[in-house]
Amino acid sequence: MLLFFTLQTICSAQYAIHGSNGAAHAVIAFIFLFYAAYDLAFTSLIVAYMVEILPYSLCTKGFNVFNFVISLALVFNQYINPIALGNIGWKYYIVYCCWLTFELVFCYFFFVETKGLSLGETAALFDGEDAQRTVTATHEVCHDELDEESSGDLHLSRPLLNRCHSLSPGIADLAVLLRYLYRLLTG
């Protein structure tokens, strides 16, 4: 994203200074490439990463704060960008190049890599080792109860869900329910 936006800025400057038609066409191409990279990197991942790292008890509050900040950014972009572009032209793009550089450095140094980790290992990264033990214990208890309860027909009762939920809400619930759905669908 930073590369494409930087090249877009350079081409915008070339068009503004020299009036080059080739630079104008390149700006359009780099806008397209920037948004392709944006859609691959940010459209779904910012939501997924935020929901993944927050504990279950803070997930809805964190998601509300996230949406509020996104709304503030949209208001800023809607009302401030046209004024700045009208006053300083292509040079305003340099502000966003700096912002993208900051985001890149911040993500590289402060975002925790969760690729290849199980949900329990991810919980342990953000919530500590106690969370890992709780998730493991909940999974074992709920798994045993699920096996006992579903020996005849596959039926997941409300008491079982409540017991699993009270031990460790969130990741363990998801693991138990996904396992149950898998067993239900595969017969």
N, C-alpha and C. Protein backbone atom coordinates (compact mmCIF):
# COMPACT_ATOMS: atom_id res chain seq x y z
N MET A 1 0.82 -1.19 0.00
CA MET A 1 0.00 0.00 0.00
C MET A 1 0.86 1.25 0.00
N LEU A 2 1.86 1.25 0.86
CA LEU A 2 2.75 2.42 0.93
C LEU A 2 3.45 2.66 -0.40
N LEU A 3 3.90 1.59 -1.02
CA LEU A 3 4.58 1.71 -2.31
C LEU A 3 3.66 2.33 -3.36
N PHE A 4 2.45 1.80 -3.49
CA PHE A 4 1.52 2.30 -4.50
C PHE A 4 1.10 3.74 -4.22
N PHE A 5 0.90 4.07 -2.95
CA PHE A 5 0.48 5.44 -2.63
C PHE A 5 1.63 6.42 -2.86
N THR A 6 2.85 5.99 -2.57
CA THR A 6 4.00 6.85 -2.82
C THR A 6 4.15 7.10 -4.32
N LEU A 7 4.00 6.04 -5.12
CA LEU A 7 4.08 6.20 -6.57
C LEU A 7 2.93 7.07 -7.09
N GLN A 8 1.77 6.93 -6.49
CA GLN A 8 0.63 7.79 -6.86
C GLN A 8 0.96 9.25 -6.56
N THR A 9 1.59 9.49 -5.42
CA THR A 9 1.97 10.86 -5.05
C THR A 9 2.99 11.43 -6.04
N ILE A 10 3.96 10.63 -6.40
CA ILE A 10 4.99 11.08 -7.36
C ILE A 10 4.37 11.40 -8.71
N CYS A 11 3.48 10.52 -9.17
CA CYS A 11 2.82 10.76 -10.47
C CYS A 11 1.90 11.97 -10.41
N SER A 12 1.22 12.16 -9.27
CA SER A 12 0.38 13.35 -9.11
C SER A 12 1.22 14.62 -9.18
N ALA A 13 2.38 14.58 -8.57
CA ALA A 13 3.29 15.74 -8.61
C ALA A 13 3.76 15.99 -10.03
N GLN A 14 4.10 14.93 -10.75
CA GLN A 14 4.55 15.08 -12.14
C GLN A 14 3.46 15.68 -13.02
N TYR A 15 2.24 15.24 -12.79
CA TYR A 15 1.14 15.79 -13.58
C TYR A 15 0.89 17.26 -13.22
N ALA A 16 0.92 17.58 -11.93
CA ALA A 16 0.67 18.95 -11.49
C ALA A 16 1.76 19.91 -11.97
N ILE A 17 3.00 19.44 -11.98
CA ILE A 17 4.13 20.31 -12.33
C ILE A 17 4.32 20.39 -13.85
N HIS A 18 4.28 19.22 -14.52
CA HIS A 18 4.61 19.17 -15.95
C HIS A 18 3.40 18.95 -16.86
N GLY A 19 2.26 18.56 -16.31
CA GLY A 19 1.08 18.31 -17.13
C GLY A 19 1.20 17.07 -17.99
N SER A 20 1.96 16.10 -17.54
CA SER A 20 2.20 14.87 -18.32
C SER A 20 0.96 13.97 -18.30
N ASN A 21 0.48 13.62 -19.51
CA ASN A 21 -0.66 12.71 -19.60
C ASN A 21 -0.31 11.31 -19.12
N GLY A 22 0.90 10.89 -19.35
CA GLY A 22 1.35 9.57 -18.86
C GLY A 22 1.30 9.49 -17.34
N ALA A 23 1.68 10.58 -16.69
CA ALA A 23 1.61 10.62 -15.22
C ALA A 23 0.16 10.57 -14.75
N ALA A 24 -0.74 11.22 -15.47
CA ALA A 24 -2.15 11.20 -15.10
C ALA A 24 -2.72 9.78 -15.21
N HIS A 25 -2.35 9.08 -16.27
CA HIS A 25 -2.81 7.70 -16.42
C HIS A 25 -2.20 6.79 -15.36
N ALA A 26 -0.95 7.06 -15.01
CA ALA A 26 -0.29 6.26 -13.97
C ALA A 26 -0.95 6.48 -12.61
N VAL A 27 -1.43 7.69 -12.34
CA VAL A 27 -2.14 7.95 -11.08
C VAL A 27 -3.36 7.05 -10.98
N ILE A 28 -4.10 6.94 -12.06
CA ILE A 28 -5.29 6.09 -12.06
C ILE A 28 -4.91 4.64 -11.81
N ALA A 29 -3.84 4.18 -12.45
CA ALA A 29 -3.38 2.80 -12.25
C ALA A 29 -2.95 2.58 -10.80
N PHE A 30 -2.25 3.54 -10.23
CA PHE A 30 -1.78 3.37 -8.85
C PHE A 30 -2.92 3.48 -7.83
N ILE A 31 -3.94 4.25 -8.15
CA ILE A 31 -5.12 4.27 -7.28
C ILE A 31 -5.75 2.88 -7.26
N PHE A 32 -5.89 2.28 -8.44
CA PHE A 32 -6.46 0.94 -8.54
C PHE A 32 -5.60 -0.07 -7.77
N LEU A 33 -4.27 -0.02 -7.93
CA LEU A 33 -3.38 -0.96 -7.23
C LEU A 33 -3.38 -0.73 -5.72
N PHE A 34 -3.45 0.55 -5.31
CA PHE A 34 -3.51 0.85 -3.89
C PHE A 34 -4.75 0.21 -3.26
N TYR A 35 -5.91 0.39 -3.90
CA TYR A 35 -7.13 -0.16 -3.33
C TYR A 35 -7.19 -1.67 -3.41
N ALA A 36 -6.53 -2.26 -4.39
CA ALA A 36 -6.42 -3.73 -4.42
C ALA A 36 -5.63 -4.20 -3.20
N ALA A 37 -4.51 -3.55 -2.92
CA ALA A 37 -3.71 -3.90 -1.74
C ALA A 37 -4.48 -3.61 -0.45
N TYR A 38 -5.19 -2.49 -0.41
CA TYR A 38 -6.00 -2.14 0.76
C TYR A 38 -7.06 -3.20 1.03
N ASP A 39 -7.75 -3.62 -0.01
CA ASP A 39 -8.81 -4.61 0.16
C ASP A 39 -8.26 -5.96 0.61
N LEU A 40 -7.08 -6.32 0.16
CA LEU A 40 -6.46 -7.56 0.61
C LEU A 40 -5.97 -7.46 2.05
N ALA A 41 -5.48 -6.29 2.43
CA ALA A 41 -4.84 -6.16 3.74
C ALA A 41 -5.78 -5.69 4.84
N PHE A 42 -6.63 -4.73 4.56
CA PHE A 42 -7.35 -4.08 5.64
C PHE A 42 -8.85 -4.33 5.69
N THR A 43 -9.49 -4.53 4.58
CA THR A 43 -10.94 -4.58 4.58
C THR A 43 -11.48 -5.59 5.58
N SER A 44 -11.00 -6.80 5.53
CA SER A 44 -11.51 -7.80 6.46
C SER A 44 -10.57 -8.03 7.64
N LEU A 45 -9.30 -7.85 7.45
CA LEU A 45 -8.35 -8.21 8.51
C LEU A 45 -8.38 -7.28 9.71
N ILE A 46 -8.71 -6.00 9.52
CA ILE A 46 -8.73 -5.13 10.70
C ILE A 46 -9.85 -5.54 11.65
N VAL A 47 -10.95 -5.98 11.10
CA VAL A 47 -12.05 -6.45 11.95
C VAL A 47 -11.70 -7.80 12.56
N ALA A 48 -11.21 -8.72 11.74
CA ALA A 48 -10.89 -10.07 12.22
C ALA A 48 -9.80 -10.04 13.29
N TYR A 49 -8.76 -9.26 13.08
CA TYR A 49 -7.67 -9.21 14.05
C TYR A 49 -8.14 -8.60 15.37
N MET A 50 -8.94 -7.54 15.27
CA MET A 50 -9.42 -6.89 16.49
C MET A 50 -10.30 -7.84 17.30
N VAL A 51 -11.19 -8.54 16.62
CA VAL A 51 -12.07 -9.47 17.32
C VAL A 51 -11.28 -10.65 17.87
N GLU A 52 -10.24 -11.06 17.17
CA GLU A 52 -9.44 -12.21 17.60
C GLU A 52 -8.63 -11.91 18.86
N ILE A 53 -8.10 -10.72 18.99
CA ILE A 53 -7.20 -10.45 20.10
C ILE A 53 -7.92 -10.00 21.37
N LEU A 54 -9.16 -9.51 21.23
CA LEU A 54 -9.86 -9.04 22.42
C LEU A 54 -10.46 -10.21 23.19
N PRO A 55 -10.38 -10.19 24.51
CA PRO A 55 -11.07 -11.21 25.30
C PRO A 55 -12.58 -11.12 25.06
N TYR A 56 -13.23 -12.22 25.25
CA TYR A 56 -14.67 -12.31 24.97
C TYR A 56 -15.45 -11.22 25.72
N SER A 57 -15.05 -10.96 26.95
CA SER A 57 -15.78 -9.99 27.77
C SER A 57 -15.63 -8.56 27.25
N LEU A 58 -14.58 -8.28 26.47
CA LEU A 58 -14.36 -6.93 25.95
C LEU A 58 -14.65 -6.81 24.46
N CYS A 59 -15.02 -7.89 23.83
CA CYS A 59 -15.14 -7.91 22.38
C CYS A 59 -16.17 -6.90 21.86
N THR A 60 -17.35 -6.86 22.44
CA THR A 60 -18.37 -5.94 21.95
C THR A 60 -18.01 -4.49 22.24
N LYS A 61 -17.43 -4.24 23.40
CA LYS A 61 -17.01 -2.87 23.72
C LYS A 61 -15.89 -2.43 22.79
N GLY A 62 -14.94 -3.31 22.57
CA GLY A 62 -13.84 -2.99 21.66
C GLY A 62 -14.32 -2.77 20.25
N PHE A 63 -15.28 -3.57 19.81
CA PHE A 63 -15.82 -3.40 18.47
C PHE A 63 -16.56 -2.08 18.34
N ASN A 64 -17.25 -1.65 19.40
CA ASN A 64 -17.93 -0.35 19.38
C ASN A 64 -16.92 0.80 19.31
N VAL A 65 -15.85 0.71 20.08
CA VAL A 65 -14.81 1.74 20.03
C VAL A 65 -14.18 1.76 18.64
N PHE A 66 -13.93 0.59 18.10
CA PHE A 66 -13.37 0.48 16.75
C PHE A 66 -14.27 1.18 15.73
N ASN A 67 -15.57 0.90 15.77
CA ASN A 67 -16.50 1.52 14.83
C ASN A 67 -16.60 3.04 15.04
N PHE A 68 -16.50 3.48 16.29
CA PHE A 68 -16.52 4.92 16.56
C PHE A 68 -15.30 5.60 15.95
N VAL A 69 -14.14 5.00 16.11
CA VAL A 69 -12.91 5.58 15.55
C VAL A 69 -12.98 5.59 14.02
N ILE A 70 -13.51 4.51 13.44
CA ILE A 70 -13.67 4.48 11.98
C ILE A 70 -14.61 5.60 11.53
N SER A 71 -15.68 5.83 12.28
CA SER A 71 -16.62 6.91 11.93
C SER A 71 -15.94 8.28 12.02
N LEU A 72 -15.10 8.48 13.04
CA LEU A 72 -14.36 9.74 13.14
C LEU A 72 -13.42 9.93 11.96
N ALA A 73 -12.75 8.84 11.56
CA ALA A 73 -11.85 8.92 10.41
C ALA A 73 -12.62 9.24 9.13
N LEU A 74 -13.81 8.66 8.99
CA LEU A 74 -14.62 8.96 7.81
C LEU A 74 -15.08 10.41 7.78
N VAL A 75 -15.44 10.96 8.92
CA VAL A 75 -15.82 12.37 9.00
C VAL A 75 -14.62 13.25 8.63
N PHE A 76 -13.47 12.91 9.16
CA PHE A 76 -12.24 13.65 8.83
C PHE A 76 -11.99 13.62 7.32
N ASN A 77 -12.06 12.41 6.75
CA ASN A 77 -11.80 12.28 5.32
C ASN A 77 -12.84 13.01 4.48
N GLN A 78 -14.06 13.04 4.92
CA GLN A 78 -15.14 13.68 4.15
C GLN A 78 -15.00 15.20 4.14
N TYR A 79 -14.59 15.78 5.27
CA TYR A 79 -14.62 17.24 5.37
C TYR A 79 -13.25 17.91 5.32
N ILE A 80 -12.20 17.23 5.75
CA ILE A 80 -10.88 17.86 5.80
C ILE A 80 -10.10 17.66 4.50
N ASN A 81 -10.17 16.46 3.94
CA ASN A 81 -9.41 16.18 2.72
C ASN A 81 -9.70 17.15 1.57
N PRO A 82 -10.95 17.47 1.27
CA PRO A 82 -11.18 18.41 0.16
C PRO A 82 -10.58 19.80 0.42
N ILE A 83 -10.64 20.25 1.66
CA ILE A 83 -10.06 21.56 1.99
C ILE A 83 -8.55 21.53 1.80
N ALA A 84 -7.91 20.48 2.32
CA ALA A 84 -6.46 20.37 2.21
C ALA A 84 -6.02 20.20 0.75
N LEU A 85 -6.71 19.36 0.00
CA LEU A 85 -6.36 19.18 -1.41
C LEU A 85 -6.56 20.47 -2.20
N GLY A 86 -7.60 21.22 -1.86
CA GLY A 86 -7.82 22.50 -2.54
C GLY A 86 -6.75 23.53 -2.24
N ASN A 87 -6.20 23.48 -1.03
CA ASN A 87 -5.21 24.49 -0.63
C ASN A 87 -3.78 24.13 -1.03
N ILE A 88 -3.37 22.87 -0.83
CA ILE A 88 -1.97 22.54 -1.11
C ILE A 88 -1.81 21.48 -2.20
N GLY A 89 -2.90 21.03 -2.77
CA GLY A 89 -2.83 20.14 -3.93
C GLY A 89 -2.20 18.80 -3.62
N TRP A 90 -1.38 18.34 -4.57
CA TRP A 90 -0.78 17.01 -4.47
C TRP A 90 0.11 16.86 -3.25
N LYS A 91 0.60 17.94 -2.69
CA LYS A 91 1.50 17.85 -1.52
C LYS A 91 0.79 17.26 -0.31
N TYR A 92 -0.54 17.35 -0.31
CA TYR A 92 -1.30 16.75 0.80
C TYR A 92 -1.14 15.24 0.83
N TYR A 93 -0.90 14.64 -0.33
CA TYR A 93 -0.68 13.19 -0.37
C TYR A 93 0.53 12.77 0.46
N ILE A 94 1.47 13.66 0.64
CA ILE A 94 2.67 13.35 1.45
C ILE A 94 2.26 13.07 2.90
N VAL A 95 1.23 13.76 3.38
CA VAL A 95 0.72 13.49 4.74
C VAL A 95 0.30 12.03 4.86
N TYR A 96 -0.41 11.53 3.85
CA TYR A 96 -0.85 10.14 3.88
C TYR A 96 0.30 9.17 3.67
N CYS A 97 1.30 9.56 2.92
CA CYS A 97 2.50 8.71 2.81
C CYS A 97 3.15 8.56 4.18
N CYS A 98 3.24 9.66 4.91
CA CYS A 98 3.79 9.60 6.28
C CYS A 98 2.90 8.74 7.18
N TRP A 99 1.59 8.89 7.06
CA TRP A 99 0.67 8.10 7.88
C TRP A 99 0.80 6.60 7.57
N LEU A 100 0.89 6.26 6.30
CA LEU A 100 1.07 4.85 5.92
C LEU A 100 2.39 4.30 6.42
N THR A 101 3.43 5.12 6.41
CA THR A 101 4.72 4.70 6.96
C THR A 101 4.60 4.44 8.45
N PHE A 102 3.92 5.34 9.17
CA PHE A 102 3.69 5.13 10.60
C PHE A 102 2.92 3.84 10.83
N GLU A 103 1.84 3.59 10.06
CA GLU A 103 1.07 2.36 10.22
C GLU A 103 1.92 1.12 9.98
N LEU A 104 2.74 1.16 8.96
CA LEU A 104 3.61 0.02 8.65
C LEU A 104 4.57 -0.27 9.80
N VAL A 105 5.22 0.75 10.30
CA VAL A 105 6.17 0.58 11.41
C VAL A 105 5.44 0.12 12.67
N PHE A 106 4.30 0.73 12.96
CA PHE A 106 3.54 0.36 14.15
C PHE A 106 3.09 -1.10 14.08
N CYS A 107 2.53 -1.50 12.95
CA CYS A 107 2.08 -2.89 12.80
C CYS A 107 3.24 -3.87 12.91
N TYR A 108 4.36 -3.52 12.31
CA TYR A 108 5.51 -4.42 12.33
C TYR A 108 6.03 -4.64 13.75
N PHE A 109 6.09 -3.58 14.53
CA PHE A 109 6.68 -3.70 15.86
C PHE A 109 5.69 -4.05 16.97
N PHE A 110 4.42 -3.73 16.81
CA PHE A 110 3.49 -3.89 17.91
C PHE A 110 2.39 -4.92 17.71
N PHE A 111 2.09 -5.33 16.49
CA PHE A 111 1.07 -6.35 16.27
C PHE A 111 1.69 -7.72 16.49
N VAL A 112 1.01 -8.55 17.24
CA VAL A 112 1.50 -9.89 17.54
C VAL A 112 1.10 -10.82 16.41
N GLU A 113 2.04 -11.62 15.95
CA GLU A 113 1.77 -12.59 14.88
C GLU A 113 0.97 -13.75 15.45
N THR A 114 -0.16 -14.05 14.84
CA THR A 114 -1.00 -15.16 15.30
C THR A 114 -1.14 -16.24 14.25
N LYS A 115 -0.40 -16.13 13.17
CA LYS A 115 -0.49 -17.12 12.10
C LYS A 115 -0.01 -18.48 12.60
N GLY A 116 -0.80 -19.50 12.32
CA GLY A 116 -0.41 -20.86 12.68
C GLY A 116 -0.66 -21.24 14.13
N LEU A 117 -1.22 -20.34 14.92
CA LEU A 117 -1.48 -20.64 16.32
C LEU A 117 -2.91 -21.13 16.50
N SER A 118 -3.10 -22.01 17.45
CA SER A 118 -4.47 -22.43 17.77
C SER A 118 -5.15 -21.30 18.53
N LEU A 119 -6.46 -21.41 18.69
CA LEU A 119 -7.19 -20.38 19.43
C LEU A 119 -6.72 -20.30 20.88
N GLY A 120 -6.39 -21.44 21.47
CA GLY A 120 -5.89 -21.45 22.84
C GLY A 120 -4.55 -20.77 22.96
N GLU A 121 -3.67 -21.00 21.99
CA GLU A 121 -2.36 -20.35 22.00
C GLU A 121 -2.50 -18.84 21.79
N THR A 122 -3.43 -18.45 20.94
CA THR A 122 -3.68 -17.03 20.72
C THR A 122 -4.22 -16.38 22.00
N ALA A 123 -5.13 -17.06 22.67
CA ALA A 123 -5.66 -16.54 23.94
C ALA A 123 -4.54 -16.40 24.96
N ALA A 124 -3.62 -17.35 25.00
CA ALA A 124 -2.51 -17.28 25.94
C ALA A 124 -1.60 -16.10 25.63
N LEU A 125 -1.42 -15.77 24.34
CA LEU A 125 -0.59 -14.63 23.97
C LEU A 125 -1.15 -13.32 24.53
N PHE A 126 -2.47 -13.16 24.44
CA PHE A 126 -3.06 -11.89 24.83
C PHE A 126 -3.58 -11.86 26.25
N ASP A 127 -3.99 -13.02 26.78
CA ASP A 127 -4.59 -13.05 28.10
C ASP A 127 -3.72 -13.71 29.15
N GLY A 128 -2.58 -14.25 28.74
CA GLY A 128 -1.67 -14.90 29.67
C GLY A 128 -1.89 -16.40 29.72
N GLU A 129 -1.01 -17.08 30.44
CA GLU A 129 -1.05 -18.53 30.52
C GLU A 129 -2.30 -19.05 31.25
N ASP A 130 -2.87 -18.24 32.15
CA ASP A 130 -4.10 -18.67 32.82
C ASP A 130 -5.22 -18.89 31.82
N ALA A 131 -5.27 -18.05 30.80
CA ALA A 131 -6.30 -18.21 29.77
C ALA A 131 -6.11 -19.52 29.03
N GLN A 132 -4.87 -19.89 28.76
CA GLN A 132 -4.60 -21.16 28.08
C GLN A 132 -5.09 -22.34 28.92
N ARG A 133 -4.81 -22.30 30.21
CA ARG A 133 -5.27 -23.39 31.07
C ARG A 133 -6.79 -23.43 31.15
N THR A 134 -7.43 -22.26 31.23
CA THR A 134 -8.89 -22.20 31.30
C THR A 134 -9.51 -22.74 30.01
N VAL A 135 -8.98 -22.33 28.86
CA VAL A 135 -9.51 -22.80 27.59
C VAL A 135 -9.35 -24.31 27.47
N THR A 136 -8.19 -24.84 27.87
CA THR A 136 -7.95 -26.28 27.80
C THR A 136 -8.90 -27.02 28.74
N ALA A 137 -9.04 -26.53 29.96
CA ALA A 137 -9.92 -27.19 30.93
C ALA A 137 -11.37 -27.14 30.45
N THR A 138 -11.80 -26.02 29.94
CA THR A 138 -13.17 -25.89 29.44
C THR A 138 -13.40 -26.83 28.27
N HIS A 139 -12.45 -26.88 27.38
CA HIS A 139 -12.60 -27.75 26.22
C HIS A 139 -12.72 -29.21 26.65
N GLU A 140 -11.89 -29.62 27.62
CA GLU A 140 -11.93 -31.01 28.08
C GLU A 140 -13.26 -31.32 28.76
N VAL A 141 -13.73 -30.43 29.64
CA VAL A 141 -14.98 -30.67 30.35
C VAL A 141 -16.14 -30.70 29.36
N CYS A 142 -16.22 -29.70 28.49
CA CYS A 142 -17.32 -29.64 27.54
C CYS A 142 -17.25 -30.77 26.54
N HIS A 143 -16.06 -31.15 26.14
CA HIS A 143 -15.91 -32.26 25.19
C HIS A 143 -16.41 -33.55 25.83
N ASP A 144 -16.04 -33.80 27.09
CA ASP A 144 -16.49 -35.01 27.78
C ASP A 144 -18.01 -34.99 27.92
N GLU A 145 -18.58 -33.85 28.34
CA GLU A 145 -20.02 -33.77 28.50
C GLU A 145 -20.74 -33.89 27.16
N LEU A 146 -20.13 -33.34 26.11
CA LEU A 146 -20.72 -33.44 24.79
C LEU A 146 -20.76 -34.90 24.35
N ASP A 147 -19.69 -35.64 24.59
CA ASP A 147 -19.66 -37.06 24.24
C ASP A 147 -20.73 -37.83 25.01
N GLU A 148 -20.86 -37.54 26.32
CA GLU A 148 -21.86 -38.24 27.14
C GLU A 148 -23.27 -37.91 26.68
N GLU A 149 -23.51 -36.63 26.40
CA GLU A 149 -24.86 -36.20 26.07
C GLU A 149 -25.26 -36.62 24.66
N SER A 150 -24.33 -36.71 23.76
CA SER A 150 -24.68 -36.98 22.37
C SER A 150 -24.48 -38.45 22.01
N SER A 151 -24.48 -39.34 23.00
CA SER A 151 -24.27 -40.76 22.70
C SER A 151 -25.41 -41.34 21.87
N GLY A 152 -26.63 -40.84 22.08
CA GLY A 152 -27.76 -41.30 21.28
C GLY A 152 -27.90 -40.42 20.06
N ASP A 153 -28.85 -39.52 20.13
CA ASP A 153 -28.98 -38.57 19.03
C ASP A 153 -28.17 -37.33 19.38
N LEU A 154 -27.69 -36.65 18.37
CA LEU A 154 -26.88 -35.46 18.59
C LEU A 154 -27.79 -34.31 18.99
N HIS A 155 -27.73 -33.97 20.26
CA HIS A 155 -28.59 -32.92 20.78
C HIS A 155 -27.77 -32.14 21.81
N LEU A 156 -27.68 -30.85 21.63
CA LEU A 156 -26.90 -30.01 22.54
C LEU A 156 -27.87 -29.24 23.40
N SER A 157 -27.90 -29.57 24.68
CA SER A 157 -28.90 -28.97 25.57
C SER A 157 -28.45 -27.62 26.09
N ARG A 158 -29.40 -26.83 26.54
CA ARG A 158 -29.11 -25.53 27.14
C ARG A 158 -28.24 -25.67 28.39
N PRO A 159 -28.48 -26.66 29.30
CA PRO A 159 -27.61 -26.78 30.47
C PRO A 159 -26.15 -27.02 30.08
N LEU A 160 -25.92 -27.83 29.04
CA LEU A 160 -24.54 -28.07 28.62
C LEU A 160 -23.92 -26.77 28.11
N LEU A 161 -24.66 -26.03 27.30
CA LEU A 161 -24.13 -24.75 26.82
C LEU A 161 -23.85 -23.80 27.97
N ASN A 162 -24.73 -23.76 28.95
CA ASN A 162 -24.53 -22.88 30.10
C ASN A 162 -23.30 -23.29 30.90
N ARG A 163 -23.10 -24.61 31.10
CA ARG A 163 -21.92 -25.06 31.85
C ARG A 163 -20.65 -24.71 31.09
N CYS A 164 -20.64 -24.93 29.79
CA CYS A 164 -19.45 -24.60 29.00
C CYS A 164 -19.21 -23.09 29.00
N HIS A 165 -20.29 -22.32 28.89
CA HIS A 165 -20.15 -20.87 28.85
C HIS A 165 -19.63 -20.32 30.18
N SER A 166 -20.07 -20.90 31.29
CA SER A 166 -19.67 -20.36 32.58
C SER A 166 -18.20 -20.65 32.89
N LEU A 167 -17.64 -21.69 32.28
CA LEU A 167 -16.23 -21.99 32.54
C LEU A 167 -15.30 -21.01 31.86
N SER A 168 -15.55 -20.73 30.59
CA SER A 168 -14.71 -19.77 29.87
C SER A 168 -15.45 -19.32 28.62
N PRO A 169 -16.10 -18.19 28.67
CA PRO A 169 -16.84 -17.74 27.50
C PRO A 169 -15.88 -17.37 26.36
N GLY A 170 -16.36 -17.50 25.16
CA GLY A 170 -15.58 -17.04 24.02
C GLY A 170 -15.00 -18.16 23.21
N ILE A 171 -13.70 -18.26 23.26
CA ILE A 171 -12.99 -19.19 22.39
C ILE A 171 -13.39 -20.63 22.66
N ALA A 172 -13.53 -21.00 23.92
CA ALA A 172 -13.90 -22.38 24.22
C ALA A 172 -15.30 -22.70 23.71
N ASP A 173 -16.23 -21.74 23.85
CA ASP A 173 -17.58 -21.94 23.32
C ASP A 173 -17.52 -22.20 21.83
N LEU A 174 -16.76 -21.39 21.14
CA LEU A 174 -16.66 -21.54 19.70
C LEU A 174 -16.09 -22.90 19.33
N ALA A 175 -15.04 -23.32 20.02
CA ALA A 175 -14.43 -24.61 19.73
C ALA A 175 -15.41 -25.76 19.96
N VAL A 176 -16.13 -25.71 21.06
CA VAL A 176 -17.09 -26.77 21.36
C VAL A 176 -18.23 -26.79 20.34
N LEU A 177 -18.76 -25.62 20.02
CA LEU A 177 -19.87 -25.56 19.08
C LEU A 177 -19.44 -25.96 17.67
N LEU A 178 -18.24 -25.56 17.27
CA LEU A 178 -17.76 -25.97 15.95
C LEU A 178 -17.55 -27.48 15.88
N ARG A 179 -17.02 -28.04 16.96
CA ARG A 179 -16.85 -29.49 17.00
C ARG A 179 -18.21 -30.19 16.93
N TYR A 180 -19.17 -29.68 17.65
CA TYR A 180 -20.51 -30.25 17.64
C TYR A 180 -21.13 -30.18 16.24
N LEU A 181 -21.01 -29.01 15.60
CA LEU A 181 -21.56 -28.84 14.25
C LEU A 181 -20.87 -29.77 13.26
N TYR A 182 -19.57 -29.91 13.40
CA TYR A 182 -18.83 -30.82 12.53
C TYR A 182 -19.35 -32.25 12.69
N ARG A 183 -19.51 -32.68 13.94
CA ARG A 183 -20.00 -34.03 14.19
C ARG A 183 -21.43 -34.19 13.71
N LEU A 184 -22.23 -33.16 13.83
CA LEU A 184 -23.61 -33.21 13.38
C LEU A 184 -23.68 -33.35 11.86
N LEU A 185 -22.85 -32.59 11.15
CA LEU A 185 -22.87 -32.61 9.70
C LEU A 185 -22.24 -33.84 9.09
N THR A 186 -21.24 -34.40 9.77
CA THR A 186 -20.56 -35.57 9.22
C THR A 186 -21.23 -36.87 9.66
N GLY A 187 -22.16 -36.78 10.58
CA GLY A 187 -22.96 -37.93 11.01
C GLY A 187 -22.15 -38.89 11.78
